[in-house]
Amino acid sequence: MRRSFLLHRTVPGMMPEVLIRYCLPCRYQPQAMQDADAILKEFGPELSGLRLVPGDHGVYDVEVDGQVVFSMDRVMRFPETGELVRTIRDRLGPRKARKKA
């Protein structure tokens, strides 16, 4: 059986996807939902999607197009909202000009 894998990379013109993998048994879901809300408020129109993926073993990772931009395993704490938004903004690049209604 042949299997193919999709590599996630930011391609110019393609909209990125954000994934939050959180520990369900650790009850990290409320934090994941809070971070997802902040990310959607800041980047909603710029994203192709945002996924919340339950995990275990204390995981709390945030990925942009398959690349980890925050890992609780590395820093031993949850991200601050502003820190997470800045980190994602750095990964996505400058905000595109928006027309005012």
N, C-alpha and C. Protein backbone atom coordinates (compact mmCIF):
# COMPACT_ATOMS: atom_id res chain seq x y z
N MET A 1 0.83 -1.17 0.00
CA MET A 1 0.00 0.00 0.00
C MET A 1 0.88 1.25 0.00
N ARG A 2 0.57 2.15 -0.85
CA ARG A 2 1.34 3.38 -0.97
C ARG A 2 0.66 4.48 -0.17
N ARG A 3 1.44 5.19 0.61
CA ARG A 3 0.92 6.31 1.39
C ARG A 3 1.61 7.59 0.97
N SER A 4 0.85 8.65 0.93
CA SER A 4 1.45 9.95 0.65
C SER A 4 1.15 10.86 1.83
N PHE A 5 2.08 11.75 2.08
CA PHE A 5 1.96 12.67 3.20
C PHE A 5 1.99 14.09 2.69
N LEU A 6 1.16 14.91 3.28
CA LEU A 6 1.10 16.32 2.91
C LEU A 6 2.06 17.09 3.81
N LEU A 7 3.00 17.76 3.21
CA LEU A 7 3.92 18.61 3.97
C LEU A 7 3.30 19.98 4.12
N HIS A 8 3.30 20.49 5.34
CA HIS A 8 2.70 21.79 5.60
C HIS A 8 3.79 22.86 5.56
N ARG A 9 3.70 23.72 4.58
CA ARG A 9 4.62 24.84 4.47
C ARG A 9 3.83 26.05 4.03
N THR A 10 4.22 27.21 4.51
CA THR A 10 3.57 28.42 4.07
C THR A 10 4.04 28.75 2.66
N VAL A 11 3.09 28.81 1.76
CA VAL A 11 3.38 29.11 0.36
C VAL A 11 2.79 30.47 0.06
N PRO A 12 3.56 31.37 -0.57
CA PRO A 12 3.01 32.68 -0.89
C PRO A 12 1.67 32.54 -1.60
N GLY A 13 0.69 33.30 -1.14
CA GLY A 13 -0.64 33.25 -1.74
C GLY A 13 -1.57 32.24 -1.08
N MET A 14 -1.02 31.31 -0.30
CA MET A 14 -1.84 30.32 0.39
C MET A 14 -2.09 30.80 1.82
N MET A 15 -3.27 30.52 2.31
CA MET A 15 -3.61 30.95 3.67
C MET A 15 -3.15 29.87 4.66
N PRO A 16 -2.52 30.28 5.76
CA PRO A 16 -2.00 29.33 6.74
C PRO A 16 -3.09 28.75 7.63
N GLU A 17 -2.75 27.64 8.28
CA GLU A 17 -3.64 27.00 9.24
C GLU A 17 -2.95 26.98 10.60
N VAL A 18 -3.72 27.24 11.66
CA VAL A 18 -3.20 27.17 13.03
C VAL A 18 -3.82 25.95 13.71
N LEU A 19 -3.00 25.24 14.46
CA LEU A 19 -3.45 24.06 15.19
C LEU A 19 -3.02 24.21 16.65
N ILE A 20 -3.95 23.96 17.55
CA ILE A 20 -3.64 23.94 18.99
C ILE A 20 -3.88 22.51 19.47
N ARG A 21 -2.81 21.87 19.90
CA ARG A 21 -2.90 20.51 20.45
C ARG A 21 -2.81 20.64 21.97
N TYR A 22 -3.84 20.15 22.66
CA TYR A 22 -3.92 20.34 24.11
C TYR A 22 -4.22 19.03 24.82
N CYS A 23 -3.80 18.94 26.07
CA CYS A 23 -4.02 17.74 26.88
C CYS A 23 -5.45 17.74 27.41
N LEU A 24 -6.24 16.78 26.93
CA LEU A 24 -7.62 16.67 27.38
C LEU A 24 -7.73 16.19 28.82
N PRO A 25 -7.00 15.11 29.22
CA PRO A 25 -7.09 14.68 30.62
C PRO A 25 -6.61 15.74 31.62
N CYS A 26 -5.71 16.63 31.18
CA CYS A 26 -5.19 17.69 32.06
C CYS A 26 -6.16 18.86 32.17
N ARG A 27 -7.23 18.81 31.41
CA ARG A 27 -8.24 19.87 31.40
C ARG A 27 -7.70 21.19 30.85
N TYR A 28 -6.92 21.09 29.78
CA TYR A 28 -6.37 22.29 29.13
C TYR A 28 -7.32 22.85 28.08
N GLN A 29 -8.48 22.22 27.89
CA GLN A 29 -9.41 22.67 26.85
C GLN A 29 -9.84 24.13 27.03
N PRO A 30 -10.18 24.61 28.22
CA PRO A 30 -10.56 26.03 28.34
C PRO A 30 -9.46 26.98 27.89
N GLN A 31 -8.20 26.67 28.21
CA GLN A 31 -7.08 27.51 27.76
C GLN A 31 -6.97 27.47 26.24
N ALA A 32 -7.14 26.28 25.66
CA ALA A 32 -7.07 26.15 24.20
C ALA A 32 -8.17 26.96 23.53
N MET A 33 -9.37 26.93 24.11
CA MET A 33 -10.48 27.70 23.56
C MET A 33 -10.25 29.20 23.69
N GLN A 34 -9.68 29.62 24.81
CA GLN A 34 -9.37 31.04 25.01
C GLN A 34 -8.32 31.50 24.00
N ASP A 35 -7.28 30.70 23.80
CA ASP A 35 -6.24 31.06 22.84
C ASP A 35 -6.79 31.04 21.41
N ALA A 36 -7.64 30.07 21.10
CA ALA A 36 -8.25 30.00 19.77
C ALA A 36 -9.08 31.25 19.50
N ASP A 37 -9.83 31.70 20.49
CA ASP A 37 -10.65 32.90 20.35
C ASP A 37 -9.78 34.12 20.06
N ALA A 38 -8.68 34.27 20.81
CA ALA A 38 -7.78 35.41 20.59
C ALA A 38 -7.14 35.34 19.20
N ILE A 39 -6.76 34.15 18.77
CA ILE A 39 -6.14 33.97 17.45
C ILE A 39 -7.15 34.31 16.35
N LEU A 40 -8.37 33.83 16.49
CA LEU A 40 -9.39 34.12 15.47
C LEU A 40 -9.74 35.60 15.42
N LYS A 41 -9.79 36.26 16.57
CA LYS A 41 -10.08 37.70 16.58
C LYS A 41 -8.99 38.49 15.88
N GLU A 42 -7.75 38.06 16.03
CA GLU A 42 -6.62 38.78 15.43
C GLU A 42 -6.37 38.40 13.97
N PHE A 43 -6.51 37.11 13.64
CA PHE A 43 -6.08 36.62 12.33
C PHE A 43 -7.17 35.98 11.49
N GLY A 44 -8.39 35.92 11.99
CA GLY A 44 -9.46 35.18 11.33
C GLY A 44 -9.45 35.19 9.81
N PRO A 45 -9.54 36.37 9.17
CA PRO A 45 -9.60 36.41 7.71
C PRO A 45 -8.30 35.97 7.01
N GLU A 46 -7.21 35.92 7.77
CA GLU A 46 -5.92 35.56 7.18
C GLU A 46 -5.64 34.06 7.24
N LEU A 47 -6.52 33.29 7.91
CA LEU A 47 -6.28 31.86 8.11
C LEU A 47 -7.20 31.00 7.26
N SER A 48 -6.68 29.84 6.85
CA SER A 48 -7.54 28.87 6.17
C SER A 48 -8.32 28.07 7.20
N GLY A 49 -7.82 28.02 8.42
CA GLY A 49 -8.53 27.30 9.47
C GLY A 49 -7.77 27.34 10.78
N LEU A 50 -8.49 26.96 11.83
CA LEU A 50 -7.90 26.82 13.15
C LEU A 50 -8.48 25.54 13.73
N ARG A 51 -7.61 24.63 14.14
CA ARG A 51 -8.07 23.34 14.67
C ARG A 51 -7.64 23.18 16.12
N LEU A 52 -8.55 22.65 16.93
CA LEU A 52 -8.25 22.24 18.29
C LEU A 52 -8.16 20.72 18.27
N VAL A 53 -7.02 20.18 18.68
CA VAL A 53 -6.79 18.74 18.62
C VAL A 53 -6.50 18.23 20.02
N PRO A 54 -7.39 17.39 20.58
CA PRO A 54 -7.13 16.85 21.91
C PRO A 54 -5.95 15.89 21.90
N GLY A 55 -5.17 15.94 22.95
CA GLY A 55 -4.02 15.05 23.12
C GLY A 55 -3.96 14.61 24.57
N ASP A 56 -2.77 14.19 24.98
CA ASP A 56 -2.58 13.76 26.36
C ASP A 56 -1.13 14.01 26.77
N HIS A 57 -0.74 13.48 27.90
CA HIS A 57 0.64 13.60 28.40
C HIS A 57 1.09 15.04 28.59
N GLY A 58 0.16 15.94 28.96
CA GLY A 58 0.53 17.32 29.27
C GLY A 58 0.85 18.21 28.08
N VAL A 59 0.47 17.78 26.88
CA VAL A 59 0.81 18.55 25.69
C VAL A 59 0.02 19.86 25.62
N TYR A 60 0.68 20.92 25.19
CA TYR A 60 0.04 22.17 24.82
C TYR A 60 0.95 22.84 23.80
N ASP A 61 0.69 22.56 22.54
CA ASP A 61 1.50 23.08 21.44
C ASP A 61 0.63 23.90 20.50
N VAL A 62 1.21 24.94 19.95
CA VAL A 62 0.54 25.75 18.93
C VAL A 62 1.42 25.68 17.68
N GLU A 63 0.79 25.31 16.56
CA GLU A 63 1.51 25.17 15.29
C GLU A 63 0.90 26.09 14.24
N VAL A 64 1.77 26.56 13.36
CA VAL A 64 1.33 27.29 12.17
C VAL A 64 1.88 26.52 10.98
N ASP A 65 0.98 26.00 10.17
CA ASP A 65 1.36 25.19 9.01
C ASP A 65 2.34 24.07 9.37
N GLY A 66 2.06 23.40 10.48
CA GLY A 66 2.85 22.24 10.87
C GLY A 66 4.14 22.55 11.62
N GLN A 67 4.46 23.82 11.80
CA GLN A 67 5.67 24.19 12.54
C GLN A 67 5.28 24.71 13.92
N VAL A 68 5.86 24.12 14.95
CA VAL A 68 5.55 24.52 16.32
C VAL A 68 6.08 25.93 16.58
N VAL A 69 5.17 26.81 17.00
CA VAL A 69 5.56 28.18 17.34
C VAL A 69 5.51 28.40 18.85
N PHE A 70 4.84 27.50 19.57
CA PHE A 70 4.84 27.53 21.03
C PHE A 70 4.67 26.11 21.55
N SER A 71 5.47 25.75 22.54
CA SER A 71 5.36 24.44 23.17
C SER A 71 5.52 24.59 24.68
N MET A 72 4.50 24.17 25.41
CA MET A 72 4.57 24.23 26.86
C MET A 72 5.68 23.31 27.37
N ASP A 73 6.00 22.28 26.63
CA ASP A 73 7.07 21.37 27.00
C ASP A 73 8.42 22.09 27.06
N ARG A 74 8.60 23.10 26.21
CA ARG A 74 9.85 23.86 26.17
C ARG A 74 9.95 24.92 27.26
N VAL A 75 8.83 25.62 27.49
CA VAL A 75 8.89 26.77 28.41
C VAL A 75 8.20 26.53 29.75
N MET A 76 7.53 25.39 29.90
CA MET A 76 6.92 24.97 31.17
C MET A 76 5.84 25.92 31.68
N ARG A 77 5.11 26.53 30.74
CA ARG A 77 3.99 27.41 31.11
C ARG A 77 3.10 27.60 29.89
N PHE A 78 1.88 28.10 30.15
CA PHE A 78 1.00 28.45 29.04
C PHE A 78 1.48 29.75 28.41
N PRO A 79 1.14 29.97 27.15
CA PRO A 79 1.52 31.24 26.52
C PRO A 79 0.66 32.38 27.04
N GLU A 80 1.25 33.56 27.12
CA GLU A 80 0.47 34.77 27.35
C GLU A 80 -0.21 35.09 26.02
N THR A 81 -1.42 35.65 26.07
CA THR A 81 -2.17 35.92 24.83
C THR A 81 -1.39 36.82 23.88
N GLY A 82 -0.85 37.92 24.39
CA GLY A 82 -0.08 38.85 23.53
C GLY A 82 1.14 38.20 22.95
N GLU A 83 1.81 37.38 23.73
CA GLU A 83 3.00 36.66 23.28
C GLU A 83 2.64 35.71 22.13
N LEU A 84 1.53 35.00 22.29
CA LEU A 84 1.10 34.05 21.26
C LEU A 84 0.74 34.77 19.97
N VAL A 85 0.01 35.88 20.08
CA VAL A 85 -0.38 36.66 18.90
C VAL A 85 0.87 37.20 18.20
N ARG A 86 1.84 37.73 18.96
CA ARG A 86 3.08 38.24 18.35
C ARG A 86 3.87 37.13 17.66
N THR A 87 3.94 35.97 18.30
CA THR A 87 4.68 34.85 17.72
C THR A 87 4.05 34.40 16.41
N ILE A 88 2.73 34.34 16.38
CA ILE A 88 2.04 33.95 15.14
C ILE A 88 2.20 35.04 14.09
N ARG A 89 2.10 36.30 14.50
CA ARG A 89 2.28 37.42 13.56
C ARG A 89 3.68 37.37 12.93
N ASP A 90 4.69 37.09 13.75
CA ASP A 90 6.06 36.97 13.22
C ASP A 90 6.14 35.87 12.17
N ARG A 91 5.41 34.80 12.39
CA ARG A 91 5.43 33.66 11.46
C ARG A 91 4.67 33.98 10.18
N LEU A 92 3.56 34.73 10.31
CA LEU A 92 2.72 35.02 9.15
C LEU A 92 3.22 36.22 8.34
N GLY A 93 3.95 37.12 8.99
CA GLY A 93 4.40 38.32 8.30
C GLY A 93 3.47 39.48 8.59
N PRO A 94 3.78 40.65 8.04
CA PRO A 94 3.00 41.85 8.35
C PRO A 94 1.55 41.73 7.89
N ARG A 95 0.71 42.41 8.63
CA ARG A 95 -0.73 42.42 8.33
C ARG A 95 -0.97 43.13 7.01
N LYS A 96 -1.86 42.57 6.22
CA LYS A 96 -2.21 43.20 4.95
C LYS A 96 -3.15 44.37 5.22
N ALA A 97 -3.04 45.40 4.40
CA ALA A 97 -3.90 46.57 4.56
C ALA A 97 -5.36 46.14 4.38
N ARG A 98 -6.20 46.62 5.26
CA ARG A 98 -7.61 46.30 5.18
C ARG A 98 -8.38 47.56 4.82
N LYS A 99 -9.40 47.39 4.00
CA LYS A 99 -10.26 48.52 3.64
C LYS A 99 -11.21 48.78 4.77
N LYS A 100 -11.43 50.05 5.06
CA LYS A 100 -12.39 50.42 6.08
C LYS A 100 -13.76 50.56 5.43
N ALA A 101 -14.76 50.10 6.17
CA ALA A 101 -16.14 50.16 5.63
C ALA A 101 -16.71 51.55 5.75
